[in-house]
Protein backbone atom coordinates (compact mmCIF):
# COMPACT_ATOMS: atom_id res chain seq x y z
CA MET A 1 37.94 -2.18 49.08
CA PRO A 2 37.58 0.33 45.73
CA ALA A 3 35.74 2.83 46.98
CA LEU A 4 32.90 2.39 44.44
CA SER A 5 32.00 -1.10 45.94
CA MET A 6 32.16 0.70 49.58
CA GLU A 7 29.79 3.09 48.11
CA ARG A 8 27.37 0.06 46.69
CA LEU A 9 27.69 -1.66 50.00
CA ARG A 10 26.46 1.62 52.18
CA LYS A 11 23.67 2.25 49.70
CA LEU A 12 22.13 -1.64 49.94
CA ARG A 13 22.70 -0.88 53.75
CA GLU A 14 20.45 2.14 54.13
CA LYS A 15 18.32 0.86 51.59
CA THR A 16 17.92 -2.72 53.60
CA GLU A 17 17.93 -0.86 56.72
CA ALA A 18 20.32 -3.50 57.60
CA ALA A 19 22.62 -3.09 61.10
CA SER A 20 25.66 -3.98 59.81
CA TYR A 21 27.76 -4.02 56.60
CA ALA A 22 28.30 -7.71 57.29
CA GLU A 23 24.27 -8.48 57.35
CA VAL A 24 24.09 -7.01 53.61
CA VAL A 25 26.72 -9.48 52.35
CA LYS A 26 25.27 -12.16 54.36
CA ASN A 27 21.78 -11.40 52.60
CA ALA A 28 23.44 -11.47 49.10
CA LEU A 29 25.57 -14.14 49.10
CA ARG A 30 22.21 -15.88 50.16
CA LEU A 31 20.39 -14.51 47.41
CA TYR A 32 23.14 -14.87 44.76
CA GLU A 33 23.51 -18.90 46.29
CA GLY A 34 19.82 -19.35 45.67
CA VAL A 35 19.85 -17.98 42.09
CA ILE A 36 22.58 -20.62 41.44
CA GLU A 37 21.21 -23.61 42.98
CA GLU A 38 17.49 -22.70 40.75
CA THR A 39 19.75 -21.70 37.26
CA ASP A 40 21.44 -25.03 37.78
CA LYS A 41 18.36 -26.79 37.99
CA GLY A 42 17.40 -25.62 34.55
CA ARG A 43 15.29 -22.68 35.99
CA GLY A 44 14.86 -19.04 35.18
CA LEU A 45 14.68 -15.95 37.46
CA PHE A 46 12.10 -13.33 36.24
CA THR A 47 10.43 -10.17 37.01
CA LYS A 48 6.83 -9.61 37.29
CA ASP A 49 5.59 -6.16 37.02
CA ALA A 50 2.14 -4.53 38.08
CA ASN A 51 0.13 -5.43 35.02
CA GLY A 52 1.54 -9.06 35.52
CA ASN A 53 3.94 -8.69 32.58
CA TYR A 54 6.98 -10.98 33.25
CA THR A 55 10.57 -10.09 32.18
CA THR A 56 13.45 -12.25 32.10
CA VAL A 57 16.30 -11.49 34.67
CA LEU A 58 20.01 -11.92 33.28
CA VAL A 59 21.55 -12.65 36.26
CA LEU A 60 24.50 -14.15 34.96
CA ASN A 61 26.25 -16.69 32.19
CA ARG A 62 28.24 -19.32 33.68
């Protein structure tokens, strides 16, 4: 695995307090799969800030 990818994985493991790198990858795949399922249904992905404002999140172009 490239050093930059490994560093990203390490940071995610620390931030999420995951027990292993495998847990980080498993959770990332679960999230990615959910996003794909929702966008396949024509749904969008948004974030909501503390003031209630929504921002569209561009995840991927398929």
